Amino acid sequence: LTQLTTDTAAYRPSDGPRLGTVLTELVGALFAHTLEAGRCL
């Protein structure tokens, strides 16, 4: 997220949805990790 928001010069407008998909997958993985760590308590 930091790299993406710091410099966007290398990306094209068509890359936006693809990058959004990557971020969504990372968020889903983070949520799963967080819930696996604490949901059984």
PDB file of all heavy atoms in Angstrom:
ATOM      1  N   LEU A   1       0.822  -1.203   0.000  1.00  0.00           N
ATOM      2  CA  LEU A   1       0.000   0.000   0.000  1.00  0.00           C
ATOM      3  C   LEU A   1       0.861   1.259   0.000  1.00  0.00           C
ATOM      4  O   LEU A   1       0.564   2.234  -0.713  1.00  0.00           O
ATOM      5  CB  LEU A   1      -0.919  -0.014   1.225  1.00  0.00           C
ATOM      6  CG  LEU A   1      -1.961   1.095   1.347  1.00  0.00           C
ATOM      7  CD1 LEU A   1      -2.887   1.100   0.141  1.00  0.00           C
ATOM      8  CD2 LEU A   1      -2.758   0.918   2.636  1.00  0.00           C
ATOM      9  N   THR A   2       1.943   1.251   0.763  1.00  0.00           N
ATOM     10  CA  THR A   2       2.825   2.416   0.837  1.00  0.00           C
ATOM     11  C   THR A   2       3.499   2.673  -0.507  1.00  0.00           C
ATOM     12  O   THR A   2       3.556   3.809  -0.991  1.00  0.00           O
ATOM     13  CB  THR A   2       3.886   2.212   1.928  1.00  0.00           C
ATOM     14  OG1 THR A   2       3.241   2.051   3.201  1.00  0.00           O
ATOM     15  CG2 THR A   2       4.820   3.417   2.001  1.00  0.00           C
ATOM     16  N   GLN A   3       4.024   1.621  -1.119  1.00  0.00           N
ATOM     17  CA  GLN A   3       4.682   1.777  -2.421  1.00  0.00           C
ATOM     18  C   GLN A   3       3.701   2.266  -3.479  1.00  0.00           C
ATOM     19  O   GLN A   3       4.011   3.139  -4.293  1.00  0.00           O
ATOM     20  CB  GLN A   3       5.305   0.456  -2.856  1.00  0.00           C
ATOM     21  CG  GLN A   3       6.031   0.540  -4.202  1.00  0.00           C
ATOM     22  CD  GLN A   3       6.695  -0.774  -4.579  1.00  0.00           C
ATOM     23  OE1 GLN A   3       6.795  -1.679  -3.776  1.00  0.00           O
ATOM     24  NE2 GLN A   3       7.153  -0.862  -5.819  1.00  0.00           N
ATOM     25  N   LEU A   4       2.497   1.731  -3.457  1.00  0.00           N
ATOM     26  CA  LEU A   4       1.492   2.095  -4.447  1.00  0.00           C
ATOM     27  C   LEU A   4       1.111   3.567  -4.350  1.00  0.00           C
ATOM     28  O   LEU A   4       1.006   4.259  -5.366  1.00  0.00           O
ATOM     29  CB  LEU A   4       0.253   1.220  -4.263  1.00  0.00           C
ATOM     30  CG  LEU A   4      -0.958   1.554  -5.140  1.00  0.00           C
ATOM     31  CD1 LEU A   4      -0.622   1.363  -6.607  1.00  0.00           C
ATOM     32  CD2 LEU A   4      -2.153   0.685  -4.737  1.00  0.00           C
ATOM     33  N   THR A   5       0.921   4.056  -3.145  1.00  0.00           N
ATOM     34  CA  THR A   5       0.472   5.437  -2.965  1.00  0.00           C
ATOM     35  C   THR A   5       1.607   6.448  -3.022  1.00  0.00           C
ATOM     36  O   THR A   5       1.361   7.646  -3.134  1.00  0.00           O
ATOM     37  CB  THR A   5      -0.260   5.591  -1.619  1.00  0.00           C
ATOM     38  OG1 THR A   5       0.588   5.137  -0.549  1.00  0.00           O
ATOM     39  CG2 THR A   5      -1.545   4.772  -1.606  1.00  0.00           C
ATOM     40  N   THR A   6       2.848   5.981  -2.952  1.00  0.00           N
ATOM     41  CA  THR A   6       3.990   6.897  -3.002  1.00  0.00           C
ATOM     42  C   THR A   6       4.336   7.285  -4.431  1.00  0.00           C
ATOM     43  O   THR A   6       4.653   8.433  -4.731  1.00  0.00           O
ATOM     44  CB  THR A   6       5.211   6.260  -2.322  1.00  0.00           C
ATOM     45  OG1 THR A   6       4.902   6.007  -0.946  1.00  0.00           O
ATOM     46  CG2 THR A   6       6.415   7.190  -2.396  1.00  0.00           C
ATOM     47  N   ASP A   7       4.268   6.298  -5.356  1.00  0.00           N
ATOM     48  CA  ASP A   7       4.666   6.567  -6.745  1.00  0.00           C
ATOM     49  C   ASP A   7       3.763   5.779  -7.692  1.00  0.00           C
ATOM     50  O   ASP A   7       3.818   4.546  -7.743  1.00  0.00           O
ATOM     51  CB  ASP A   7       6.127   6.162  -6.945  1.00  0.00           C
ATOM     52  CG  ASP A   7       6.613   6.467  -8.360  1.00  0.00           C
ATOM     53  OD1 ASP A   7       5.911   7.207  -9.100  1.00  0.00           O
ATOM     54  OD2 ASP A   7       7.689   5.967  -8.718  1.00  0.00           O
ATOM     55  N   THR A   8       2.943   6.486  -8.450  1.00  0.00           N
ATOM     56  CA  THR A   8       2.039   5.833  -9.392  1.00  0.00           C
ATOM     57  C   THR A   8       2.472   6.021 -10.845  1.00  0.00           C
ATOM     58  O   THR A   8       1.757   5.616 -11.760  1.00  0.00           O
ATOM     59  CB  THR A   8       0.609   6.398  -9.229  1.00  0.00           C
ATOM     60  OG1 THR A   8       0.633   7.811  -9.500  1.00  0.00           O
ATOM     61  CG2 THR A   8       0.083   6.143  -7.836  1.00  0.00           C
ATOM     62  N   ALA A   9       3.633   6.627 -11.043  1.00  0.00           N
ATOM     63  CA  ALA A   9       4.066   6.969 -12.399  1.00  0.00           C
ATOM     64  C   ALA A   9       4.204   5.745 -13.300  1.00  0.00           C
ATOM     65  O   ALA A   9       3.998   5.830 -14.524  1.00  0.00           O
ATOM     66  CB  ALA A   9       5.398   7.712 -12.336  1.00  0.00           C
ATOM     67  N   ALA A  10       4.552   4.606 -12.714  1.00  0.00           N
ATOM     68  CA  ALA A  10       4.808   3.411 -13.525  1.00  0.00           C
ATOM     69  C   ALA A  10       3.535   2.662 -13.907  1.00  0.00           C
ATOM     70  O   ALA A  10       3.593   1.696 -14.673  1.00  0.00           O
ATOM     71  CB  ALA A  10       5.740   2.464 -12.768  1.00  0.00           C
ATOM     72  N   TYR A  11       2.383   3.109 -13.399  1.00  0.00           N
ATOM     73  CA  TYR A  11       1.139   2.382 -13.648  1.00  0.00           C
ATOM     74  C   TYR A  11       0.271   3.095 -14.681  1.00  0.00           C
ATOM     75  O   TYR A  11       0.277   4.314 -14.780  1.00  0.00           O
ATOM     76  CB  TYR A  11       0.353   2.224 -12.343  1.00  0.00           C
ATOM     77  CG  TYR A  11       1.134   1.547 -11.248  1.00  0.00           C
ATOM     78  CD1 TYR A  11       1.495   2.249 -10.107  1.00  0.00           C
ATOM     79  CD2 TYR A  11       1.524   0.218 -11.370  1.00  0.00           C
ATOM     80  CE1 TYR A  11       2.225   1.637  -9.095  1.00  0.00           C
ATOM     81  CE2 TYR A  11       2.257  -0.400 -10.366  1.00  0.00           C
ATOM     82  CZ  TYR A  11       2.601   0.318  -9.234  1.00  0.00           C
ATOM     83  OH  TYR A  11       3.330  -0.272  -8.240  1.00  0.00           O
ATOM     84  N   ARG A  12      -0.485   2.321 -15.429  1.00  0.00           N
ATOM     85  CA  ARG A  12      -1.442   2.846 -16.387  1.00  0.00           C
ATOM     86  C   ARG A  12      -2.836   2.823 -15.759  1.00  0.00           C
ATOM     87  O   ARG A  12      -3.097   2.071 -14.820  1.00  0.00           O
ATOM     88  CB  ARG A  12      -1.444   1.991 -17.655  1.00  0.00           C
ATOM     89  CG  ARG A  12      -0.096   1.948 -18.364  1.00  0.00           C
ATOM     90  CD  ARG A  12      -0.143   0.981 -19.526  1.00  0.00           C
ATOM     91  NE  ARG A  12       1.137   0.914 -20.228  1.00  0.00           N
ATOM     92  CZ  ARG A  12       1.395   0.078 -21.228  1.00  0.00           C
ATOM     93  NH1 ARG A  12       0.439  -0.765 -21.627  1.00  0.00           N
ATOM     94  NH2 ARG A  12       2.575   0.088 -21.815  1.00  0.00           N
ATOM     95  N   PRO A  13      -3.762   3.627 -16.284  1.00  0.00           N
ATOM     96  CA  PRO A  13      -5.126   3.606 -15.751  1.00  0.00           C
ATOM     97  C   PRO A  13      -5.739   2.205 -15.745  1.00  0.00           C
ATOM     98  O   PRO A  13      -6.489   1.855 -14.826  1.00  0.00           O
ATOM     99  CB  PRO A  13      -5.880   4.550 -16.692  1.00  0.00           C
ATOM    100  CG  PRO A  13      -4.825   5.510 -17.162  1.00  0.00           C
ATOM    101  CD  PRO A  13      -3.585   4.684 -17.299  1.00  0.00           C
ATOM    102  N   SER A  14      -5.423   1.407 -16.750  1.00  0.00           N
ATOM    103  CA  SER A  14      -5.978   0.060 -16.812  1.00  0.00           C
ATOM    104  C   SER A  14      -5.438  -0.861 -15.726  1.00  0.00           C
ATOM    105  O   SER A  14      -6.002  -1.934 -15.471  1.00  0.00           O
ATOM    106  CB  SER A  14      -5.685  -0.567 -18.187  1.00  0.00           C
ATOM    107  OG  SER A  14      -4.285  -0.628 -18.429  1.00  0.00           O
ATOM    108  N   ASP A  15      -4.331  -0.453 -15.087  1.00  0.00           N
ATOM    109  CA  ASP A  15      -3.761  -1.262 -14.004  1.00  0.00           C
ATOM    110  C   ASP A  15      -4.554  -1.109 -12.710  1.00  0.00           C
ATOM    111  O   ASP A  15      -4.414  -1.931 -11.798  1.00  0.00           O
ATOM    112  CB  ASP A  15      -2.308  -0.849 -13.731  1.00  0.00           C
ATOM    113  CG  ASP A  15      -1.370  -1.244 -14.854  1.00  0.00           C
ATOM    114  OD1 ASP A  15      -1.632  -2.272 -15.511  1.00  0.00           O
ATOM    115  OD2 ASP A  15      -0.372  -0.530 -15.075  1.00  0.00           O
ATOM    116  N   GLY A  16      -5.361  -0.034 -12.605  1.00  0.00           N
ATOM    117  CA  GLY A  16      -6.071   0.243 -11.361  1.00  0.00           C
ATOM    118  C   GLY A  16      -6.896  -0.921 -10.839  1.00  0.00           C
ATOM    119  O   GLY A  16      -6.698  -1.372  -9.698  1.00  0.00           O
ATOM    120  N   PRO A  17      -7.834  -1.469 -11.621  1.00  0.00           N
ATOM    121  CA  PRO A  17      -8.633  -2.594 -11.134  1.00  0.00           C
ATOM    122  C   PRO A  17      -7.799  -3.817 -10.759  1.00  0.00           C
ATOM    123  O   PRO A  17      -8.131  -4.536  -9.816  1.00  0.00           O
ATOM    124  CB  PRO A  17      -9.560  -2.897 -12.324  1.00  0.00           C
ATOM    125  CG  PRO A  17      -9.664  -1.587 -13.046  1.00  0.00           C
ATOM    126  CD  PRO A  17      -8.298  -0.975 -12.931  1.00  0.00           C
ATOM    127  N   ARG A  18      -6.703  -4.055 -11.501  1.00  0.00           N
ATOM    128  CA  ARG A  18      -5.842  -5.196 -11.171  1.00  0.00           C
ATOM    129  C   ARG A  18      -5.187  -4.986  -9.808  1.00  0.00           C
ATOM    130  O   ARG A  18      -5.104  -5.911  -8.997  1.00  0.00           O
ATOM    131  CB  ARG A  18      -4.773  -5.375 -12.242  1.00  0.00           C
ATOM    132  CG  ARG A  18      -5.314  -5.590 -13.653  1.00  0.00           C
ATOM    133  CD  ARG A  18      -4.200  -5.920 -14.625  1.00  0.00           C
ATOM    134  NE  ARG A  18      -4.676  -5.953 -16.008  1.00  0.00           N
ATOM    135  CZ  ARG A  18      -4.503  -4.985 -16.881  1.00  0.00           C
ATOM    136  NH1 ARG A  18      -3.824  -3.894 -16.532  1.00  0.00           N
ATOM    137  NH2 ARG A  18      -4.970  -5.084 -18.110  1.00  0.00           N
ATOM    138  N   LEU A  19      -4.704  -3.763  -9.576  1.00  0.00           N
ATOM    139  CA  LEU A  19      -4.090  -3.464  -8.288  1.00  0.00           C
ATOM    140  C   LEU A  19      -5.125  -3.552  -7.172  1.00  0.00           C
ATOM    141  O   LEU A  19      -4.827  -4.002  -6.058  1.00  0.00           O
ATOM    142  CB  LEU A  19      -3.468  -2.068  -8.323  1.00  0.00           C
ATOM    143  CG  LEU A  19      -2.269  -1.910  -9.261  1.00  0.00           C
ATOM    144  CD1 LEU A  19      -1.910  -0.436  -9.424  1.00  0.00           C
ATOM    145  CD2 LEU A  19      -1.069  -2.689  -8.732  1.00  0.00           C
ATOM    146  N   GLY A  20      -6.357  -3.124  -7.460  1.00  0.00           N
ATOM    147  CA  GLY A  20      -7.422  -3.234  -6.468  1.00  0.00           C
ATOM    148  C   GLY A  20      -7.702  -4.676  -6.106  1.00  0.00           C
ATOM    149  O   GLY A  20      -7.960  -5.003  -4.937  1.00  0.00           O
ATOM    150  N   THR A  21      -7.623  -5.558  -7.088  1.00  0.00           N
ATOM    151  CA  THR A  21      -7.833  -6.978  -6.824  1.00  0.00           C
ATOM    152  C   THR A  21      -6.742  -7.537  -5.923  1.00  0.00           C
ATOM    153  O   THR A  21      -7.015  -8.317  -5.002  1.00  0.00           O
ATOM    154  CB  THR A  21      -7.860  -7.766  -8.156  1.00  0.00           C
ATOM    155  OG1 THR A  21      -8.949  -7.299  -8.950  1.00  0.00           O
ATOM    156  CG2 THR A  21      -8.019  -9.254  -7.901  1.00  0.00           C
ATOM    157  N   VAL A  22      -5.495  -7.144  -6.176  1.00  0.00           N
ATOM    158  CA  VAL A  22      -4.380  -7.595  -5.338  1.00  0.00           C
ATOM    159  C   VAL A  22      -4.587  -7.124  -3.894  1.00  0.00           C
ATOM    160  O   VAL A  22      -4.412  -7.896  -2.939  1.00  0.00           O
ATOM    161  CB  VAL A  22      -3.035  -7.083  -5.888  1.00  0.00           C
ATOM    162  CG1 VAL A  22      -1.901  -7.420  -4.915  1.00  0.00           C
ATOM    163  CG2 VAL A  22      -2.756  -7.687  -7.251  1.00  0.00           C
ATOM    164  N   LEU A  23      -4.952  -5.859  -3.739  1.00  0.00           N
ATOM    165  CA  LEU A  23      -5.172  -5.328  -2.390  1.00  0.00           C
ATOM    166  C   LEU A  23      -6.322  -6.048  -1.693  1.00  0.00           C
ATOM    167  O   LEU A  23      -6.251  -6.338  -0.486  1.00  0.00           O
ATOM    168  CB  LEU A  23      -5.458  -3.829  -2.458  1.00  0.00           C
ATOM    169  CG  LEU A  23      -4.238  -2.933  -2.688  1.00  0.00           C
ATOM    170  CD1 LEU A  23      -4.671  -1.505  -3.002  1.00  0.00           C
ATOM    171  CD2 LEU A  23      -3.325  -2.945  -1.459  1.00  0.00           C
ATOM    172  N   THR A  24      -7.376  -6.341  -2.413  1.00  0.00           N
ATOM    173  CA  THR A  24      -8.509  -7.056  -1.824  1.00  0.00           C
ATOM    174  C   THR A  24      -8.083  -8.433  -1.331  1.00  0.00           C
ATOM    175  O   THR A  24      -8.473  -8.866  -0.235  1.00  0.00           O
ATOM    176  CB  THR A  24      -9.642  -7.200  -2.856  1.00  0.00           C
ATOM    177  OG1 THR A  24     -10.079  -5.900  -3.260  1.00  0.00           O
ATOM    178  CG2 THR A  24     -10.819  -7.954  -2.260  1.00  0.00           C
ATOM    179  N   GLU A  25      -7.262  -9.124  -2.109  1.00  0.00           N
ATOM    180  CA  GLU A  25      -6.786 -10.448  -1.695  1.00  0.00           C
ATOM    181  C   GLU A  25      -5.889 -10.348  -0.465  1.00  0.00           C
ATOM    182  O   GLU A  25      -5.965 -11.199   0.440  1.00  0.00           O
ATOM    183  CB  GLU A  25      -6.036 -11.099  -2.850  1.00  0.00           C
ATOM    184  CG  GLU A  25      -6.957 -11.476  -4.018  1.00  0.00           C
ATOM    185  CD  GLU A  25      -6.200 -12.023  -5.202  1.00  0.00           C
ATOM    186  OE1 GLU A  25      -4.949 -11.945  -5.193  1.00  0.00           O
ATOM    187  OE2 GLU A  25      -6.859 -12.528  -6.128  1.00  0.00           O
ATOM    188  N   LEU A  26      -5.066  -9.302  -0.404  1.00  0.00           N
ATOM    189  CA  LEU A  26      -4.213  -9.117   0.768  1.00  0.00           C
ATOM    190  C   LEU A  26      -5.053  -8.810   2.011  1.00  0.00           C
ATOM    191  O   LEU A  26      -4.757  -9.298   3.106  1.00  0.00           O
ATOM    192  CB  LEU A  26      -3.209  -7.992   0.512  1.00  0.00           C
ATOM    193  CG  LEU A  26      -2.065  -8.299  -0.448  1.00  0.00           C
ATOM    194  CD1 LEU A  26      -1.246  -7.035  -0.712  1.00  0.00           C
ATOM    195  CD2 LEU A  26      -1.174  -9.395   0.120  1.00  0.00           C
ATOM    196  N   VAL A  27      -6.093  -8.002   1.848  1.00  0.00           N
ATOM    197  CA  VAL A  27      -6.974  -7.695   2.977  1.00  0.00           C
ATOM    198  C   VAL A  27      -7.686  -8.955   3.454  1.00  0.00           C
ATOM    199  O   VAL A  27      -7.788  -9.219   4.654  1.00  0.00           O
ATOM    200  CB  VAL A  27      -7.993  -6.604   2.590  1.00  0.00           C
ATOM    201  CG1 VAL A  27      -9.073  -6.466   3.662  1.00  0.00           C
ATOM    202  CG2 VAL A  27      -7.283  -5.275   2.390  1.00  0.00           C
ATOM    203  N   GLY A  28      -8.179  -9.762   2.522  1.00  0.00           N
ATOM    204  CA  GLY A  28      -8.828 -11.009   2.897  1.00  0.00           C
ATOM    205  C   GLY A  28      -7.891 -11.935   3.643  1.00  0.00           C
ATOM    206  O   GLY A  28      -8.273 -12.566   4.642  1.00  0.00           O
ATOM    207  N   ALA A  29      -6.632 -12.009   3.197  1.00  0.00           N
ATOM    208  CA  ALA A  29      -5.643 -12.844   3.877  1.00  0.00           C
ATOM    209  C   ALA A  29      -5.334 -12.311   5.270  1.00  0.00           C
ATOM    210  O   ALA A  29      -5.181 -13.081   6.227  1.00  0.00           O
ATOM    211  CB  ALA A  29      -4.363 -12.922   3.044  1.00  0.00           C
ATOM    212  N   LEU A  30      -5.261 -10.989   5.401  1.00  0.00           N
ATOM    213  CA  LEU A  30      -5.004 -10.383   6.706  1.00  0.00           C
ATOM    214  C   LEU A  30      -6.156 -10.669   7.661  1.00  0.00           C
ATOM    215  O   LEU A  30      -5.941 -11.018   8.833  1.00  0.00           O
ATOM    216  CB  LEU A  30      -4.811  -8.875   6.552  1.00  0.00           C
ATOM    217  CG  LEU A  30      -4.663  -8.085   7.854  1.00  0.00           C
ATOM    218  CD1 LEU A  30      -3.377  -8.483   8.577  1.00  0.00           C
ATOM    219  CD2 LEU A  30      -4.667  -6.582   7.573  1.00  0.00           C
ATOM    220  N   PHE A  31      -7.387 -10.529   7.187  1.00  0.00           N
ATOM    221  CA  PHE A  31      -8.555 -10.817   8.024  1.00  0.00           C
ATOM    222  C   PHE A  31      -8.542 -12.272   8.496  1.00  0.00           C
ATOM    223  O   PHE A  31      -8.803 -12.565   9.663  1.00  0.00           O
ATOM    224  CB  PHE A  31      -9.833 -10.531   7.258  1.00  0.00           C
ATOM    225  CG  PHE A  31     -10.157  -9.072   7.107  1.00  0.00           C
ATOM    226  CD1 PHE A  31      -9.294  -8.094   7.567  1.00  0.00           C
ATOM    227  CD2 PHE A  31     -11.334  -8.671   6.499  1.00  0.00           C
ATOM    228  CE1 PHE A  31      -9.585  -6.745   7.426  1.00  0.00           C
ATOM    229  CE2 PHE A  31     -11.644  -7.328   6.356  1.00  0.00           C
ATOM    230  CZ  PHE A  31     -10.770  -6.361   6.814  1.00  0.00           C
ATOM    231  N   ALA A  32      -8.260 -13.178   7.570  1.00  0.00           N
ATOM    232  CA  ALA A  32      -8.235 -14.601   7.922  1.00  0.00           C
ATOM    233  C   ALA A  32      -7.175 -14.883   8.973  1.00  0.00           C
ATOM    234  O   ALA A  32      -7.414 -15.609   9.948  1.00  0.00           O
ATOM    235  CB  ALA A  32      -7.977 -15.443   6.674  1.00  0.00           C
ATOM    236  N   HIS A  33      -6.002 -14.292   8.796  1.00  0.00           N
ATOM    237  CA  HIS A  33      -4.916 -14.478   9.754  1.00  0.00           C
ATOM    238  C   HIS A  33      -5.316 -13.949  11.134  1.00  0.00           C
ATOM    239  O   HIS A  33      -5.084 -14.600  12.156  1.00  0.00           O
ATOM    240  CB  HIS A  33      -3.660 -13.761   9.257  1.00  0.00           C
ATOM    241  CG  HIS A  33      -2.515 -13.808  10.219  1.00  0.00           C
ATOM    242  ND1 HIS A  33      -1.683 -14.894  10.333  1.00  0.00           N
ATOM    243  CD2 HIS A  33      -2.078 -12.899  11.138  1.00  0.00           C
ATOM    244  CE1 HIS A  33      -0.777 -14.657  11.264  1.00  0.00           C
ATOM    245  NE2 HIS A  33      -0.989 -13.459  11.770  1.00  0.00           N
ATOM    246  N   THR A  34      -5.933 -12.772  11.155  1.00  0.00           N
ATOM    247  CA  THR A  34      -6.341 -12.163  12.418  1.00  0.00           C
ATOM    248  C   THR A  34      -7.403 -12.998  13.121  1.00  0.00           C
ATOM    249  O   THR A  34      -7.336 -13.216  14.339  1.00  0.00           O
ATOM    250  CB  THR A  34      -6.886 -10.737  12.175  1.00  0.00           C
ATOM    251  OG1 THR A  34      -5.881  -9.962  11.523  1.00  0.00           O
ATOM    252  CG2 THR A  34      -7.272 -10.062  13.477  1.00  0.00           C
ATOM    253  N   LEU A  35      -8.365 -13.486  12.382  1.00  0.00           N
ATOM    254  CA  LEU A  35      -9.438 -14.281  12.984  1.00  0.00           C
ATOM    255  C   LEU A  35      -8.929 -15.632  13.455  1.00  0.00           C
ATOM    256  O   LEU A  35      -9.336 -16.125  14.514  1.00  0.00           O
ATOM    257  CB  LEU A  35     -10.571 -14.464  11.980  1.00  0.00           C
ATOM    258  CG  LEU A  35     -11.366 -13.196  11.666  1.00  0.00           C
ATOM    259  CD1 LEU A  35     -12.288 -13.428  10.477  1.00  0.00           C
ATOM    260  CD2 LEU A  35     -12.167 -12.744  12.883  1.00  0.00           C
ATOM    261  N   GLU A  36      -8.025 -16.240  12.713  1.00  0.00           N
ATOM    262  CA  GLU A  36      -7.457 -17.524  13.134  1.00  0.00           C
ATOM    263  C   GLU A  36      -6.666 -17.374  14.417  1.00  0.00           C
ATOM    264  O   GLU A  36      -6.622 -18.283  15.245  1.00  0.00           O
ATOM    265  CB  GLU A  36      -6.557 -18.080  12.039  1.00  0.00           C
ATOM    266  CG  GLU A  36      -7.328 -18.609  10.831  1.00  0.00           C
ATOM    267  CD  GLU A  36      -6.411 -18.934   9.665  1.00  0.00           C
ATOM    268  OE1 GLU A  36      -5.182 -18.728   9.796  1.00  0.00           O
ATOM    269  OE2 GLU A  36      -6.935 -19.370   8.635  1.00  0.00           O
ATOM    270  N   ALA A  37      -6.081 -16.189  14.618  1.00  0.00           N
ATOM    271  CA  ALA A  37      -5.278 -15.961  15.816  1.00  0.00           C
ATOM    272  C   ALA A  37      -6.139 -15.736  17.043  1.00  0.00           C
ATOM    273  O   ALA A  37      -5.713 -16.002  18.167  1.00  0.00           O
ATOM    274  CB  ALA A  37      -4.356 -14.760  15.612  1.00  0.00           C
ATOM    275  N   GLY A  38      -7.361 -15.204  16.875  1.00  0.00           N
ATOM    276  CA  GLY A  38      -8.127 -14.837  18.062  1.00  0.00           C
ATOM    277  C   GLY A  38      -9.532 -15.347  18.167  1.00  0.00           C
ATOM    278  O   GLY A  38     -10.153 -15.222  19.214  1.00  0.00           O
ATOM    279  N   ARG A  39     -10.078 -15.972  17.134  1.00  0.00           N
ATOM    280  CA  ARG A  39     -11.509 -16.285  17.144  1.00  0.00           C
ATOM    281  C   ARG A  39     -11.871 -17.407  18.110  1.00  0.00           C
ATOM    282  O   ARG A  39     -13.025 -17.540  18.519  1.00  0.00           O
ATOM    283  CB  ARG A  39     -11.981 -16.661  15.748  1.00  0.00           C
ATOM    284  CG  ARG A  39     -11.405 -17.936  15.200  1.00  0.00           C
ATOM    285  CD  ARG A  39     -11.943 -18.236  13.807  1.00  0.00           C
ATOM    286  NE  ARG A  39     -13.386 -18.404  13.823  1.00  0.00           N
ATOM    287  CZ  ARG A  39     -14.111 -18.637  12.739  1.00  0.00           C
ATOM    288  NH1 ARG A  39     -13.523 -18.696  11.565  1.00  0.00           N
ATOM    289  NH2 ARG A  39     -15.414 -18.802  12.818  1.00  0.00           N
ATOM    290  N   CYS A  40     -10.902 -18.244  18.505  1.00  0.00           N
ATOM    291  CA  CYS A  40     -11.221 -19.368  19.376  1.00  0.00           C
ATOM    292  C   CYS A  40     -11.158 -19.003  20.854  1.00  0.00           C
ATOM    293  O   CYS A  40     -11.398 -19.847  21.713  1.00  0.00           O
ATOM    294  CB  CYS A  40     -10.259 -20.535  19.103  1.00  0.00           C
ATOM    295  SG  CYS A  40     -10.410 -21.194  17.426  1.00  0.00           S
ATOM    296  N   LEU A  41     -10.791 -17.799  21.159  1.00  0.00           N
ATOM    297  CA  LEU A  41     -10.677 -17.391  22.550  1.00  0.00           C
ATOM    298  C   LEU A  41     -11.988 -16.805  23.063  1.00  0.00           C
ATOM    299  O   LEU A  41     -12.448 -15.794  22.550  1.00  0.00           O
ATOM    300  CB  LEU A  41      -9.567 -16.340  22.710  1.00  0.00           C
ATOM    301  CG  LEU A  41      -8.136 -16.797  22.427  1.00  0.00           C
ATOM    302  CD1 LEU A  41      -7.188 -15.627  22.598  1.00  0.00           C
ATOM    303  CD2 LEU A  41      -7.741 -17.929  23.348  1.00  0.00           C
TER     304      LEU A  41
END
